[in-house]
Amino acid sequence: MSQQHYQPASFSPAMSSQTDENTAEYRFSTQTVLIAQDVPPGTQLGIDCKAWTTGPRFMGIKMIPSGLHFVYHSAVDTMSSATLSSAPRAGFFFSAQDRK
């Protein structure tokens, strides 16, 4: 069985699907990566105005531009079949700096 490599989710409001491979590679090598290991599937996790519902392979957020950011999370009750309910959001601010 072959090993699969999973990449963190990409955060970049300015990055579109038209971004070329060289630009993406440069941004990945210079911008901040937030590693989020062992986040339970179904957790709502976000940064600034972008959010994801995590799955079993969620590893974190990549290509975070330099500056002040707010990271937040909220647990989701996946056991109730009728409706999904979520806990209040909790979060923290952090300052990202590009790697030189």
PDB file of N, CA and C in Angstrom:
ATOM      1  N   MET A   1       0.856  -1.178   0.000  1.00  0.00           N
ATOM      2  CA  MET A   1       0.000   0.000   0.000  1.00  0.00           C
ATOM      3  C   MET A   1       0.898   1.235   0.000  1.00  0.00           C
ATOM      4  N   SER A   2       0.651   2.168  -0.895  1.00  0.00           N
ATOM      5  CA  SER A   2       1.494   3.358  -1.000  1.00  0.00           C
ATOM      6  C   SER A   2       1.096   4.404   0.026  1.00  0.00           C
ATOM      7  N   GLN A   3       2.101   5.166   0.477  1.00  0.00           N
ATOM      8  CA  GLN A   3       1.848   6.256   1.412  1.00  0.00           C
ATOM      9  C   GLN A   3       1.370   7.474   0.650  1.00  0.00           C
ATOM     10  N   GLN A   4       0.380   8.159   1.198  1.00  0.00           N
ATOM     11  CA  GLN A   4      -0.125   9.368   0.562  1.00  0.00           C
ATOM     12  C   GLN A   4       0.346  10.574   1.351  1.00  0.00           C
ATOM     13  N   HIS A   5       0.673  11.649   0.640  1.00  0.00           N
ATOM     14  CA  HIS A   5       1.131  12.889   1.265  1.00  0.00           C
ATOM     15  C   HIS A   5      -0.009  13.902   1.205  1.00  0.00           C
ATOM     16  N   TYR A   6      -0.394  14.438   2.357  1.00  0.00           N
ATOM     17  CA  TYR A   6      -1.484  15.399   2.405  1.00  0.00           C
ATOM     18  C   TYR A   6      -0.951  16.781   2.719  1.00  0.00           C
ATOM     19  N   GLN A   7      -1.450  17.771   2.024  1.00  0.00           N
ATOM     20  CA  GLN A   7      -1.037  19.156   2.211  1.00  0.00           C
ATOM     21  C   GLN A   7      -2.072  19.879   3.065  1.00  0.00           C
ATOM     22  N   PRO A   8      -1.651  20.873   3.852  1.00  0.00           N
ATOM     23  CA  PRO A   8      -2.610  21.692   4.583  1.00  0.00           C
ATOM     24  C   PRO A   8      -3.488  22.499   3.622  1.00  0.00           C
ATOM     25  N   ALA A   9      -4.623  22.945   4.121  1.00  0.00           N
ATOM     26  CA  ALA A   9      -5.503  23.796   3.323  1.00  0.00           C
ATOM     27  C   ALA A   9      -4.795  25.092   2.994  1.00  0.00           C
ATOM     28  N   SER A  10      -5.098  25.663   1.854  1.00  0.00           N
ATOM     29  CA  SER A  10      -4.436  26.883   1.414  1.00  0.00           C
ATOM     30  C   SER A  10      -5.270  28.099   1.791  1.00  0.00           C
ATOM     31  N   PHE A  11      -4.633  29.068   2.459  1.00  0.00           N
ATOM     32  CA  PHE A  11      -5.297  30.317   2.793  1.00  0.00           C
ATOM     33  C   PHE A  11      -4.664  31.431   1.996  1.00  0.00           C
ATOM     34  N   SER A  12      -5.419  32.009   1.123  1.00  0.00           N
ATOM     35  CA  SER A  12      -4.929  33.173   0.411  1.00  0.00           C
ATOM     36  C   SER A  12      -6.071  33.798  -0.347  1.00  0.00           C
ATOM     37  N   PRO A  13      -6.603  34.913   0.162  1.00  0.00           N
ATOM     38  CA  PRO A  13      -7.703  35.551  -0.534  1.00  0.00           C
ATOM     39  C   PRO A  13      -7.320  35.986  -1.940  1.00  0.00           C
ATOM     40  N   ALA A  14      -6.044  36.305  -2.155  1.00  0.00           N
ATOM     41  CA  ALA A  14      -5.619  36.802  -3.464  1.00  0.00           C
ATOM     42  C   ALA A  14      -5.278  35.674  -4.436  1.00  0.00           C
ATOM     43  N   MET A  15      -5.168  34.452  -3.938  1.00  0.00           N
ATOM     44  CA  MET A  15      -4.760  33.346  -4.803  1.00  0.00           C
ATOM     45  C   MET A  15      -5.980  32.755  -5.497  1.00  0.00           C
ATOM     46  N   SER A  16      -5.975  32.769  -6.796  1.00  0.00           N
ATOM     47  CA  SER A  16      -7.090  32.220  -7.552  1.00  0.00           C
ATOM     48  C   SER A  16      -6.687  30.901  -8.166  1.00  0.00           C
ATOM     49  N   SER A  17      -7.619  30.256  -8.822  1.00  0.00           N
ATOM     50  CA  SER A  17      -7.313  28.993  -9.484  1.00  0.00           C
ATOM     51  C   SER A  17      -6.395  29.212 -10.677  1.00  0.00           C
ATOM     52  N   GLN A  18      -6.209  30.467 -11.090  1.00  0.00           N
ATOM     53  CA  GLN A  18      -5.358  30.790 -12.230  1.00  0.00           C
ATOM     54  C   GLN A  18      -3.884  30.971 -11.844  1.00  0.00           C
ATOM     55  N   THR A  19      -3.564  30.891 -10.532  1.00  0.00           N
ATOM     56  CA  THR A  19      -2.193  31.092 -10.090  1.00  0.00           C
ATOM     57  C   THR A  19      -1.293  30.023 -10.694  1.00  0.00           C
ATOM     58  N   ASP A  20      -0.175  30.454 -11.252  1.00  0.00           N
ATOM     59  CA  ASP A  20       0.704  29.477 -11.878  1.00  0.00           C
ATOM     60  C   ASP A  20       1.508  28.711 -10.826  1.00  0.00           C
ATOM     61  N   GLU A  21       2.072  27.611 -11.243  1.00  0.00           N
ATOM     62  CA  GLU A  21       2.788  26.713 -10.346  1.00  0.00           C
ATOM     63  C   GLU A  21       3.992  27.383  -9.683  1.00  0.00           C
ATOM     64  N   ASN A  22       4.733  28.208 -10.418  1.00  0.00           N
ATOM     65  CA  ASN A  22       5.905  28.879  -9.843  1.00  0.00           C
ATOM     66  C   ASN A  22       5.516  29.840  -8.736  1.00  0.00           C
ATOM     67  N   THR A  23       4.430  30.581  -8.925  1.00  0.00           N
ATOM     68  CA  THR A  23       3.960  31.512  -7.896  1.00  0.00           C
ATOM     69  C   THR A  23       3.523  30.754  -6.659  1.00  0.00           C
ATOM     70  N   ALA A  24       2.783  29.677  -6.851  1.00  0.00           N
ATOM     71  CA  ALA A  24       2.321  28.873  -5.720  1.00  0.00           C
ATOM     72  C   ALA A  24       3.503  28.267  -4.963  1.00  0.00           C
ATOM     73  N   GLU A  25       4.495  27.769  -5.675  1.00  0.00           N
ATOM     74  CA  GLU A  25       5.673  27.181  -5.041  1.00  0.00           C
ATOM     75  C   GLU A  25       6.439  28.233  -4.248  1.00  0.00           C
ATOM     76  N   TYR A  26       6.588  29.433  -4.821  1.00  0.00           N
ATOM     77  CA  TYR A  26       7.281  30.522  -4.123  1.00  0.00           C
ATOM     78  C   TYR A  26       6.527  30.904  -2.847  1.00  0.00           C
ATOM     79  N   ARG A  27       5.211  31.056  -2.955  1.00  0.00           N
ATOM     80  CA  ARG A  27       4.420  31.451  -1.785  1.00  0.00           C
ATOM     81  C   ARG A  27       4.463  30.376  -0.708  1.00  0.00           C
ATOM     82  N   PHE A  28       4.423  29.098  -1.118  1.00  0.00           N
ATOM     83  CA  PHE A  28       4.482  28.016  -0.143  1.00  0.00           C
ATOM     84  C   PHE A  28       5.823  28.020   0.594  1.00  0.00           C
ATOM     85  N   SER A  29       6.903  28.344  -0.123  1.00  0.00           N
ATOM     86  CA  SER A  29       8.226  28.309   0.503  1.00  0.00           C
ATOM     87  C   SER A  29       8.529  29.549   1.337  1.00  0.00           C
ATOM     88  N   THR A  30       7.772  30.634   1.179  1.00  0.00           N
ATOM     89  CA  THR A  30       8.078  31.856   1.926  1.00  0.00           C
ATOM     90  C   THR A  30       7.018  32.242   2.954  1.00  0.00           C
ATOM     91  N   GLN A  31       5.783  31.806   2.786  1.00  0.00           N
ATOM     92  CA  GLN A  31       4.736  32.243   3.704  1.00  0.00           C
ATOM     93  C   GLN A  31       4.535  31.244   4.847  1.00  0.00           C
ATOM     94  N   THR A  32       3.798  31.667   5.859  1.00  0.00           N
ATOM     95  CA  THR A  32       3.608  30.911   7.091  1.00  0.00           C
ATOM     96  C   THR A  32       2.707  29.703   6.886  1.00  0.00           C
ATOM     97  N   VAL A  33       2.995  28.642   7.645  1.00  0.00           N
ATOM     98  CA  VAL A  33       2.172  27.438   7.687  1.00  0.00           C
ATOM     99  C   VAL A  33       1.739  27.231   9.132  1.00  0.00           C
ATOM    100  N   LEU A  34       0.451  27.015   9.355  1.00  0.00           N
ATOM    101  CA  LEU A  34      -0.077  26.717  10.683  1.00  0.00           C
ATOM    102  C   LEU A  34      -0.423  25.234  10.704  1.00  0.00           C
ATOM    103  N   ILE A  35       0.307  24.465  11.491  1.00  0.00           N
ATOM    104  CA  ILE A  35       0.082  23.024  11.571  1.00  0.00           C
ATOM    105  C   ILE A  35      -0.982  22.760  12.631  1.00  0.00           C
ATOM    106  N   ALA A  36      -2.000  21.999  12.263  1.00  0.00           N
ATOM    107  CA  ALA A  36      -3.093  21.659  13.172  1.00  0.00           C
ATOM    108  C   ALA A  36      -3.296  20.147  13.127  1.00  0.00           C
ATOM    109  N   GLN A  37      -2.568  19.432  13.952  1.00  0.00           N
ATOM    110  CA  GLN A  37      -2.638  17.982  13.957  1.00  0.00           C
ATOM    111  C   GLN A  37      -3.716  17.484  14.912  1.00  0.00           C
ATOM    112  N   ASP A  38      -4.280  16.342  14.596  1.00  0.00           N
ATOM    113  CA  ASP A  38      -5.252  15.644  15.446  1.00  0.00           C
ATOM    114  C   ASP A  38      -6.497  16.475  15.735  1.00  0.00           C
ATOM    115  N   VAL A  39      -6.910  17.303  14.788  1.00  0.00           N
ATOM    116  CA  VAL A  39      -8.163  18.049  14.932  1.00  0.00           C
ATOM    117  C   VAL A  39      -9.296  17.070  14.620  1.00  0.00           C
ATOM    118  N   PRO A  40     -10.270  16.906  15.519  1.00  0.00           N
ATOM    119  CA  PRO A  40     -11.342  15.942  15.253  1.00  0.00           C
ATOM    120  C   PRO A  40     -12.124  16.299  13.981  1.00  0.00           C
ATOM    121  N   PRO A  41     -12.440  15.299  13.161  1.00  0.00           N
ATOM    122  CA  PRO A  41     -13.245  15.567  11.960  1.00  0.00           C
ATOM    123  C   PRO A  41     -14.575  16.221  12.345  1.00  0.00           C
ATOM    124  N   GLY A  42     -14.998  17.174  11.554  1.00  0.00           N
ATOM    125  CA  GLY A  42     -16.244  17.884  11.818  1.00  0.00           C
ATOM    126  C   GLY A  42     -16.051  19.184  12.565  1.00  0.00           C
ATOM    127  N   THR A  43     -14.843  19.457  13.037  1.00  0.00           N
ATOM    128  CA  THR A  43     -14.558  20.710  13.733  1.00  0.00           C
ATOM    129  C   THR A  43     -14.571  21.851  12.721  1.00  0.00           C
ATOM    130  N   GLN A  44     -15.158  22.956  13.099  1.00  0.00           N
ATOM    131  CA  GLN A  44     -15.105  24.149  12.255  1.00  0.00           C
ATOM    132  C   GLN A  44     -13.851  24.915  12.655  1.00  0.00           C
ATOM    133  N   LEU A  45     -12.953  25.132  11.691  1.00  0.00           N
ATOM    134  CA  LEU A  45     -11.703  25.824  11.957  1.00  0.00           C
ATOM    135  C   LEU A  45     -11.528  26.898  10.897  1.00  0.00           C
ATOM    136  N   GLY A  46     -11.101  28.082  11.323  1.00  0.00           N
ATOM    137  CA  GLY A  46     -10.965  29.159  10.356  1.00  0.00           C
ATOM    138  C   GLY A  46      -9.879  30.139  10.716  1.00  0.00           C
ATOM    139  N   ILE A  47      -9.575  30.980   9.745  1.00  0.00           N
ATOM    140  CA  ILE A  47      -8.615  32.064   9.932  1.00  0.00           C
ATOM    141  C   ILE A  47      -9.180  33.298   9.244  1.00  0.00           C
ATOM    142  N   ASP A  48      -9.245  34.395   9.972  1.00  0.00           N
ATOM    143  CA  ASP A  48      -9.812  35.641   9.476  1.00  0.00           C
ATOM    144  C   ASP A  48     -11.232  35.379   8.962  1.00  0.00           C
ATOM    145  N   CYS A  49     -11.483  35.538   7.672  1.00  0.00           N
ATOM    146  CA  CYS A  49     -12.844  35.370   7.123  1.00  0.00           C
ATOM    147  C   CYS A  49     -13.016  34.065   6.341  1.00  0.00           C
ATOM    148  N   LYS A  50     -12.074  33.148   6.455  1.00  0.00           N
ATOM    149  CA  LYS A  50     -12.157  31.891   5.712  1.00  0.00           C
ATOM    150  C   LYS A  50     -12.243  30.743   6.710  1.00  0.00           C
ATOM    151  N   ALA A  51     -13.172  29.807   6.482  1.00  0.00           N
ATOM    152  CA  ALA A  51     -13.380  28.711   7.419  1.00  0.00           C
ATOM    153  C   ALA A  51     -13.533  27.384   6.684  1.00  0.00           C
ATOM    154  N   TRP A  52     -13.217  26.312   7.396  1.00  0.00           N
ATOM    155  CA  TRP A  52     -13.351  24.962   6.866  1.00  0.00           C
ATOM    156  C   TRP A  52     -14.016  24.084   7.913  1.00  0.00           C
ATOM    157  N   THR A  53     -14.680  23.044   7.456  1.00  0.00           N
ATOM    158  CA  THR A  53     -15.103  21.961   8.325  1.00  0.00           C
ATOM    159  C   THR A  53     -14.077  20.860   8.105  1.00  0.00           C
ATOM    160  N   THR A  54     -13.370  20.504   9.157  1.00  0.00           N
ATOM    161  CA  THR A  54     -12.246  19.589   9.008  1.00  0.00           C
ATOM    162  C   THR A  54     -12.716  18.172   8.715  1.00  0.00           C
ATOM    163  N   GLY A  55     -11.882  17.476   7.966  1.00  0.00           N
ATOM    164  CA  GLY A  55     -12.092  16.068   7.672  1.00  0.00           C
ATOM    165  C   GLY A  55     -10.990  15.260   8.331  1.00  0.00           C
ATOM    166  N   PRO A  56     -10.961  13.964   8.103  1.00  0.00           N
ATOM    167  CA  PRO A  56      -9.966  13.114   8.762  1.00  0.00           C
ATOM    168  C   PRO A  56      -8.531  13.382   8.298  1.00  0.00           C
ATOM    169  N   ARG A  57      -8.335  14.033   7.151  1.00  0.00           N
ATOM    170  CA  ARG A  57      -6.988  14.284   6.635  1.00  0.00           C
ATOM    171  C   ARG A  57      -6.553  15.739   6.790  1.00  0.00           C
ATOM    172  N   PHE A  58      -7.316  16.554   7.505  1.00  0.00           N
ATOM    173  CA  PHE A  58      -6.969  17.963   7.686  1.00  0.00           C
ATOM    174  C   PHE A  58      -5.656  18.073   8.448  1.00  0.00           C
ATOM    175  N   MET A  59      -4.704  18.848   7.905  1.00  0.00           N
ATOM    176  CA  MET A  59      -3.378  18.964   8.510  1.00  0.00           C
ATOM    177  C   MET A  59      -3.031  20.384   8.960  1.00  0.00           C
ATOM    178  N   GLY A  60      -3.780  21.388   8.524  1.00  0.00           N
ATOM    179  CA  GLY A  60      -3.464  22.757   8.896  1.00  0.00           C
ATOM    180  C   GLY A  60      -3.766  23.715   7.762  1.00  0.00           C
ATOM    181  N   ILE A  61      -3.168  24.897   7.841  1.00  0.00           N
ATOM    182  CA  ILE A  61      -3.416  25.957   6.866  1.00  0.00           C
ATOM    183  C   ILE A  61      -2.068  26.434   6.337  1.00  0.00           C
ATOM    184  N   LYS A  62      -1.932  26.540   5.025  1.00  0.00           N
ATOM    185  CA  LYS A  62      -0.666  26.970   4.433  1.00  0.00           C
ATOM    186  C   LYS A  62      -0.840  28.276   3.685  1.00  0.00           C
ATOM    187  N   MET A  63       0.274  28.879   3.294  1.00  0.00           N
ATOM    188  CA  MET A  63       0.324  30.123   2.526  1.00  0.00           C
ATOM    189  C   MET A  63      -0.410  31.262   3.226  1.00  0.00           C
ATOM    190  N   ILE A  64      -0.110  31.444   4.508  1.00  0.00           N
ATOM    191  CA  ILE A  64      -0.701  32.533   5.281  1.00  0.00           C
ATOM    192  C   ILE A  64       0.180  33.762   5.089  1.00  0.00           C
ATOM    193  N   PRO A  65      -0.356  34.857   4.542  1.00  0.00           N
ATOM    194  CA  PRO A  65       0.465  36.052   4.324  1.00  0.00           C
ATOM    195  C   PRO A  65       0.871  36.692   5.648  1.00  0.00           C
ATOM    196  N   SER A  66       1.933  37.479   5.622  1.00  0.00           N
ATOM    197  CA  SER A  66       2.403  38.126   6.845  1.00  0.00           C
ATOM    198  C   SER A  66       1.344  39.108   7.343  1.00  0.00           C
ATOM    199  N   GLY A  67       1.333  39.291   8.662  1.00  0.00           N
ATOM    200  CA  GLY A  67       0.372  40.209   9.277  1.00  0.00           C
ATOM    201  C   GLY A  67      -0.315  39.562  10.461  1.00  0.00           C
ATOM    202  N   LEU A  68      -1.224  40.302  11.072  1.00  0.00           N
ATOM    203  CA  LEU A  68      -1.976  39.833  12.227  1.00  0.00           C
ATOM    204  C   LEU A  68      -3.193  39.055  11.748  1.00  0.00           C
ATOM    205  N   HIS A  69      -3.415  37.873  12.312  1.00  0.00           N
ATOM    206  CA  HIS A  69      -4.531  37.007  11.919  1.00  0.00           C
ATOM    207  C   HIS A  69      -5.259  36.499  13.150  1.00  0.00           C
ATOM    208  N   PHE A  70      -6.530  36.129  12.967  1.00  0.00           N
ATOM    209  CA  PHE A  70      -7.332  35.523  14.028  1.00  0.00           C
ATOM    210  C   PHE A  70      -7.689  34.114  13.601  1.00  0.00           C
ATOM    211  N   VAL A  71      -7.260  33.133  14.388  1.00  0.00           N
ATOM    212  CA  VAL A  71      -7.570  31.720  14.142  1.00  0.00           C
ATOM    213  C   VAL A  71      -8.637  31.317  15.136  1.00  0.00           C
ATOM    214  N   TYR A  72      -9.659  30.617  14.673  1.00  0.00           N
ATOM    215  CA  TYR A  72     -10.758  30.229  15.546  1.00  0.00           C
ATOM    216  C   TYR A  72     -11.200  28.803  15.245  1.00  0.00           C
ATOM    217  N   HIS A  73     -11.869  28.204  16.233  1.00  0.00           N
ATOM    218  CA  HIS A  73     -12.379  26.846  16.067  1.00  0.00           C
ATOM    219  C   HIS A  73     -13.663  26.687  16.862  1.00  0.00           C
ATOM    220  N   SER A  74     -14.449  25.715  16.477  1.00  0.00           N
ATOM    221  CA  SER A  74     -15.690  25.408  17.149  1.00  0.00           C
ATOM    222  C   SER A  74     -15.975  23.927  16.964  1.00  0.00           C
ATOM    223  N   ALA A  75     -16.158  23.217  18.066  1.00  0.00           N
ATOM    224  CA  ALA A  75     -16.484  21.795  17.985  1.00  0.00           C
ATOM    225  C   ALA A  75     -17.908  21.632  17.465  1.00  0.00           C
ATOM    226  N   VAL A  76     -18.129  20.580  16.704  1.00  0.00           N
ATOM    227  CA  VAL A  76     -19.454  20.296  16.145  1.00  0.00           C
ATOM    228  C   VAL A  76     -19.915  18.943  16.652  1.00  0.00           C
ATOM    229  N   ASP A  77     -21.165  18.876  17.096  1.00  0.00           N
ATOM    230  CA  ASP A  77     -21.747  17.617  17.557  1.00  0.00           C
ATOM    231  C   ASP A  77     -22.193  16.817  16.344  1.00  0.00           C
ATOM    232  N   THR A  78     -21.431  15.793  15.992  1.00  0.00           N
ATOM    233  CA  THR A  78     -21.776  14.974  14.828  1.00  0.00           C
ATOM    234  C   THR A  78     -22.596  13.750  15.217  1.00  0.00           C
ATOM    235  N   MET A  79     -22.854  13.577  16.502  1.00  0.00           N
ATOM    236  CA  MET A  79     -23.591  12.398  16.964  1.00  0.00           C
ATOM    237  C   MET A  79     -25.101  12.559  16.794  1.00  0.00           C
ATOM    238  N   SER A  80     -25.608  13.781  16.869  1.00  0.00           N
ATOM    239  CA  SER A  80     -27.058  13.963  16.716  1.00  0.00           C
ATOM    240  C   SER A  80     -27.407  13.907  15.233  1.00  0.00           C
ATOM    241  N   SER A  81     -28.364  13.104  14.893  1.00  0.00           N
ATOM    242  CA  SER A  81     -28.696  12.901  13.482  1.00  0.00           C
ATOM    243  C   SER A  81     -29.650  13.964  12.939  1.00  0.00           C
ATOM    244  N   ALA A  82     -30.407  14.605  13.806  1.00  0.00           N
ATOM    245  CA  ALA A  82     -31.404  15.571  13.331  1.00  0.00           C
ATOM    246  C   ALA A  82     -30.755  16.858  12.823  1.00  0.00           C
ATOM    247  N   THR A  83     -29.976  17.503  13.658  1.00  0.00           N
ATOM    248  CA  THR A  83     -29.323  18.755  13.265  1.00  0.00           C
ATOM    249  C   THR A  83     -27.906  18.779  13.811  1.00  0.00           C
ATOM    250  N   LEU A  84     -27.055  19.496  13.141  1.00  0.00           N
ATOM    251  CA  LEU A  84     -25.694  19.676  13.639  1.00  0.00           C
ATOM    252  C   LEU A  84     -25.672  20.902  14.536  1.00  0.00           C
ATOM    253  N   SER A  85     -25.195  20.729  15.739  1.00  0.00           N
ATOM    254  CA  SER A  85     -25.070  21.880  16.637  1.00  0.00           C
ATOM    255  C   SER A  85     -23.588  22.102  16.909  1.00  0.00           C
ATOM    256  N   SER A  86     -23.227  23.356  17.044  1.00  0.00           N
ATOM    257  CA  SER A  86     -21.817  23.668  17.274  1.00  0.00           C
ATOM    258  C   SER A  86     -21.645  24.432  18.579  1.00  0.00           C
ATOM    259  N   ALA A  87     -20.482  24.262  19.161  1.00  0.00           N
ATOM    260  CA  ALA A  87     -20.130  24.958  20.389  1.00  0.00           C
ATOM    261  C   ALA A  87     -19.752  26.398  20.057  1.00  0.00           C
ATOM    262  N   PRO A  88     -19.702  27.275  21.043  1.00  0.00           N
ATOM    263  CA  PRO A  88     -19.238  28.647  20.782  1.00  0.00           C
ATOM    264  C   PRO A  88     -17.811  28.637  20.241  1.00  0.00           C
ATOM    265  N   ARG A  89     -17.499  29.621  19.436  1.00  0.00           N
ATOM    266  CA  ARG A  89     -16.156  29.728  18.867  1.00  0.00           C
ATOM    267  C   ARG A  89     -15.165  30.207  19.916  1.00  0.00           C
ATOM    268  N   ALA A  90     -13.962  29.659  19.818  1.00  0.00           N
ATOM    269  CA  ALA A  90     -12.832  30.113  20.627  1.00  0.00           C
ATOM    270  C   ALA A  90     -11.694  30.374  19.654  1.00  0.00           C
ATOM    271  N   GLY A  91     -10.817  31.289  19.999  1.00  0.00           N
ATOM    272  CA  GLY A  91      -9.740  31.578  19.067  1.00  0.00           C
ATOM    273  C   GLY A  91      -8.613  32.363  19.683  1.00  0.00           C
ATOM    274  N   PHE A  92      -7.665  32.713  18.827  1.00  0.00           N
ATOM    275  CA  PHE A  92      -6.503  33.470  19.260  1.00  0.00           C
ATOM    276  C   PHE A  92      -5.957  34.275  18.087  1.00  0.00           C
ATOM    277  N   PHE A  93      -5.263  35.358  18.411  1.00  0.00           N
ATOM    278  CA  PHE A  93      -4.576  36.172  17.417  1.00  0.00           C
ATOM    279  C   PHE A  93      -3.129  35.703  17.319  1.00  0.00           C
ATOM    280  N   PHE A  94      -2.551  35.780  16.136  1.00  0.00           N
ATOM    281  CA  PHE A  94      -1.128  35.547  15.985  1.00  0.00           C
ATOM    282  C   PHE A  94      -0.595  36.386  14.846  1.00  0.00           C
ATOM    283  N   SER A  95       0.678  36.689  14.921  1.00  0.00           N
ATOM    284  CA  SER A  95       1.330  37.502  13.899  1.00  0.00           C
ATOM    285  C   SER A  95       2.193  36.593  13.039  1.00  0.00           C
ATOM    286  N   ALA A  96       1.909  36.572  11.748  1.00  0.00           N
ATOM    287  CA  ALA A  96       2.667  35.759  10.794  1.00  0.00           C
ATOM    288  C   ALA A  96       3.725  36.619  10.115  1.00  0.00           C
ATOM    289  N   GLN A  97       4.874  36.026   9.893  1.00  0.00           N
ATOM    290  CA  GLN A  97       5.946  36.709   9.181  1.00  0.00           C
ATOM    291  C   GLN A  97       6.451  35.807   8.065  1.00  0.00           C
ATOM    292  N   ASP A  98       6.700  36.394   6.905  1.00  0.00           N
ATOM    293  CA  ASP A  98       7.247  35.621   5.787  1.00  0.00           C
ATOM    294  C   ASP A  98       8.637  35.138   6.123  1.00  0.00           C
ATOM    295  N   ARG A  99       8.962  33.937   5.642  1.00  0.00           N
ATOM    296  CA  ARG A  99      10.315  33.414   5.782  1.00  0.00           C
ATOM    297  C   ARG A  99      11.201  34.093   4.752  1.00  0.00           C
ATOM    298  N   LYS A 100      12.409  34.341   5.088  1.00  0.00           N
ATOM    299  CA  LYS A 100      13.340  35.032   4.168  1.00  0.00           C
ATOM    300  C   LYS A 100      14.075  34.028   3.328  1.00  0.00           C
TER     301      LYS A 100
END
